[in-house]
Amino acid sequence: MRRWIAGADSGHLDAVLPLYAPDAVLHTTSGDHHGRAAIRAFLLDSGLLTRGWSATPIASARTVAAVRGPLARDARRVNRFRIAHGEIAEQWDEPADETGES
């Protein structure tokens, strides 16, 4: 997850996009985005590629790792990832609750 965090924090889509499996799914409050092309479009417009991400992955019961970050457009977001075969297979981009957890 450190590569995703570094790429997102620096705003480099070209560093983040190859981390996704070709058939990855990104789940958002606005719907699911299937495959790299749809994920690319979402990332460009989402505000996720901004400074402020935490570099500490957090264990989660339903996913392999999660990162949180105070974003310029939305400081209350949590992203969770499921990793399969070294690639991001699924990602959840969710609003955080009062404690910072989703």
C-alpha atoms as a PDB file:
ATOM      1  CA  MET A   1       0.000   0.000   0.000  1.00  0.00           C
ATOM      2  CA  ARG A   2       2.946   2.331   0.416  1.00  0.00           C
ATOM      3  CA  ARG A   3       3.218   2.713  -3.374  1.00  0.00           C
ATOM      4  CA  TRP A   4      -0.488   3.652  -3.636  1.00  0.00           C
ATOM      5  CA  ILE A   5      -0.133   6.124  -0.764  1.00  0.00           C
ATOM      6  CA  ALA A   6       2.981   7.730  -2.272  1.00  0.00           C
ATOM      7  CA  GLY A   7       1.436   7.947  -5.744  1.00  0.00           C
ATOM      8  CA  ALA A   8      -1.888   9.342  -4.503  1.00  0.00           C
ATOM      9  CA  ASP A   9      -0.162  11.792  -2.166  1.00  0.00           C
ATOM     10  CA  SER A  10       1.978  13.149  -4.996  1.00  0.00           C
ATOM     11  CA  GLY A  11      -0.932  13.259  -7.446  1.00  0.00           C
ATOM     12  CA  HIS A  12       0.657  10.845  -9.922  1.00  0.00           C
ATOM     13  CA  LEU A  13      -2.045   8.814 -11.666  1.00  0.00           C
ATOM     14  CA  ASP A  14       0.633   6.998 -13.686  1.00  0.00           C
ATOM     15  CA  ALA A  15       2.111   5.660 -10.432  1.00  0.00           C
ATOM     16  CA  VAL A  16      -1.248   4.579  -8.985  1.00  0.00           C
ATOM     17  CA  LEU A  17      -3.131   3.075 -11.927  1.00  0.00           C
ATOM     18  CA  PRO A  18      -0.745   0.139 -12.619  1.00  0.00           C
ATOM     19  CA  LEU A  19      -1.288  -1.053  -9.037  1.00  0.00           C
ATOM     20  CA  TYR A  20      -4.850  -2.108  -9.939  1.00  0.00           C
ATOM     21  CA  ALA A  21      -5.657  -5.511 -11.407  1.00  0.00           C
ATOM     22  CA  PRO A  22      -7.123  -5.213 -14.922  1.00  0.00           C
ATOM     23  CA  ASP A  23     -10.519  -6.334 -13.578  1.00  0.00           C
ATOM     24  CA  ALA A  24     -10.377  -4.380 -10.306  1.00  0.00           C
ATOM     25  CA  VAL A  25     -13.518  -2.824  -8.850  1.00  0.00           C
ATOM     26  CA  LEU A  26     -13.588   0.510  -7.039  1.00  0.00           C
ATOM     27  CA  HIS A  27     -16.709   0.874  -4.873  1.00  0.00           C
ATOM     28  CA  THR A  28     -17.880   4.434  -4.158  1.00  0.00           C
ATOM     29  CA  THR A  29     -20.984   6.116  -2.816  1.00  0.00           C
ATOM     30  CA  SER A  30     -21.862   7.020  -6.413  1.00  0.00           C
ATOM     31  CA  GLY A  31     -21.545   3.424  -7.674  1.00  0.00           C
ATOM     32  CA  ASP A  32     -19.004   0.827  -8.726  1.00  0.00           C
ATOM     33  CA  HIS A  33     -16.218   1.426 -11.252  1.00  0.00           C
ATOM     34  CA  HIS A  34     -15.054  -1.737 -13.051  1.00  0.00           C
ATOM     35  CA  GLY A  35     -11.637  -2.035 -14.719  1.00  0.00           C
ATOM     36  CA  ARG A  36      -8.695   0.337 -15.047  1.00  0.00           C
ATOM     37  CA  ALA A  37     -10.358   2.704 -17.558  1.00  0.00           C
ATOM     38  CA  ALA A  38     -13.322   3.366 -15.257  1.00  0.00           C
ATOM     39  CA  ILE A  39     -11.050   3.595 -12.205  1.00  0.00           C
ATOM     40  CA  ARG A  40      -8.804   6.045 -14.056  1.00  0.00           C
ATOM     41  CA  ALA A  41     -11.781   8.299 -14.849  1.00  0.00           C
ATOM     42  CA  PHE A  42     -12.949   8.188 -11.233  1.00  0.00           C
ATOM     43  CA  LEU A  43      -9.488   8.919  -9.815  1.00  0.00           C
ATOM     44  CA  LEU A  44      -9.040  11.943 -12.074  1.00  0.00           C
ATOM     45  CA  ASP A  45     -12.243  13.520 -10.762  1.00  0.00           C
ATOM     46  CA  SER A  46     -12.365  12.171  -7.198  1.00  0.00           C
ATOM     47  CA  GLY A  47      -9.919  14.300  -5.261  1.00  0.00           C
ATOM     48  CA  LEU A  48      -8.085  11.165  -4.121  1.00  0.00           C
ATOM     49  CA  LEU A  49      -4.874  12.200  -5.865  1.00  0.00           C
ATOM     50  CA  THR A  50      -4.026  14.940  -3.365  1.00  0.00           C
ATOM     51  CA  ARG A  51      -1.628  15.479  -0.493  1.00  0.00           C
ATOM     52  CA  GLY A  52      -2.320  14.390   3.047  1.00  0.00           C
ATOM     53  CA  TRP A  53      -2.482  10.599   2.997  1.00  0.00           C
ATOM     54  CA  SER A  54      -1.342   8.591   5.983  1.00  0.00           C
ATOM     55  CA  ALA A  55       1.492   6.184   5.283  1.00  0.00           C
ATOM     56  CA  THR A  56       0.308   3.670   7.903  1.00  0.00           C
ATOM     57  CA  PRO A  57      -1.871   0.817   6.592  1.00  0.00           C
ATOM     58  CA  ILE A  58      -4.597  -0.313   8.985  1.00  0.00           C
ATOM     59  CA  ALA A  59      -5.801  -3.908   9.316  1.00  0.00           C
ATOM     60  CA  SER A  60      -9.496  -4.449   8.651  1.00  0.00           C
ATOM     61  CA  ALA A  61     -11.757  -7.467   9.069  1.00  0.00           C
ATOM     62  CA  ARG A  62     -13.067  -7.360   5.491  1.00  0.00           C
ATOM     63  CA  THR A  63     -10.024  -6.088   3.633  1.00  0.00           C
ATOM     64  CA  VAL A  64      -6.260  -6.449   3.615  1.00  0.00           C
ATOM     65  CA  ALA A  65      -5.323  -2.824   4.240  1.00  0.00           C
ATOM     66  CA  ALA A  66      -6.773   0.661   4.558  1.00  0.00           C
ATOM     67  CA  VAL A  67      -5.412   4.180   4.485  1.00  0.00           C
ATOM     68  CA  ARG A  68      -6.960   7.428   5.581  1.00  0.00           C
ATOM     69  CA  GLY A  69      -6.137  10.937   4.526  1.00  0.00           C
ATOM     70  CA  PRO A  70      -7.249  14.479   5.115  1.00  0.00           C
ATOM     71  CA  LEU A  71      -7.978  15.524   1.553  1.00  0.00           C
ATOM     72  CA  ALA A  72      -8.315  19.036   0.236  1.00  0.00           C
ATOM     73  CA  ARG A  73     -11.825  18.361  -1.111  1.00  0.00           C
ATOM     74  CA  ASP A  74     -12.958  15.894   1.562  1.00  0.00           C
ATOM     75  CA  ALA A  75     -11.095  15.434   4.835  1.00  0.00           C
ATOM     76  CA  ARG A  76     -13.413  12.665   6.032  1.00  0.00           C
ATOM     77  CA  ARG A  77     -12.667   9.743   3.713  1.00  0.00           C
ATOM     78  CA  VAL A  78     -11.508   6.199   4.329  1.00  0.00           C
ATOM     79  CA  ASN A  79     -10.139   3.935   1.611  1.00  0.00           C
ATOM     80  CA  ARG A  80      -9.919   0.195   2.078  1.00  0.00           C
ATOM     81  CA  PHE A  81      -8.215  -2.219  -0.270  1.00  0.00           C
ATOM     82  CA  ARG A  82      -8.354  -5.939  -0.981  1.00  0.00           C
ATOM     83  CA  ILE A  83      -5.101  -7.147  -2.484  1.00  0.00           C
ATOM     84  CA  ALA A  84      -4.920 -10.303  -4.606  1.00  0.00           C
ATOM     85  CA  HIS A  85      -1.755 -11.572  -6.308  1.00  0.00           C
ATOM     86  CA  GLY A  86       0.059  -8.325  -5.499  1.00  0.00           C
ATOM     87  CA  GLU A  87      -2.548  -6.075  -7.161  1.00  0.00           C
ATOM     88  CA  ILE A  88      -5.493  -4.060  -5.912  1.00  0.00           C
ATOM     89  CA  ALA A  89      -8.520  -6.264  -6.616  1.00  0.00           C
ATOM     90  CA  GLU A  90     -11.078  -4.103  -4.826  1.00  0.00           C
ATOM     91  CA  GLN A  91     -11.127  -0.672  -3.257  1.00  0.00           C
ATOM     92  CA  TRP A  92     -13.779   1.042  -1.155  1.00  0.00           C
ATOM     93  CA  ASP A  93     -13.807   4.849  -1.079  1.00  0.00           C
ATOM     94  CA  GLU A  94     -16.139   5.769   1.791  1.00  0.00           C
ATOM     95  CA  PRO A  95     -16.955   8.686   4.065  1.00  0.00           C
ATOM     96  CA  ALA A  96     -15.541   8.260   7.575  1.00  0.00           C
ATOM     97  CA  ASP A  97     -17.735   8.411  10.669  1.00  0.00           C
ATOM     98  CA  GLU A  98     -17.102  10.625  13.688  1.00  0.00           C
ATOM     99  CA  THR A  99     -14.196   8.468  14.901  1.00  0.00           C
ATOM    100  CA  GLY A 100     -12.481   8.379  11.522  1.00  0.00           C
ATOM    101  CA  GLU A 101     -13.612   4.820  10.776  1.00  0.00           C
ATOM    102  CA  SER A 102     -16.045   3.960   8.011  1.00  0.00           C
END
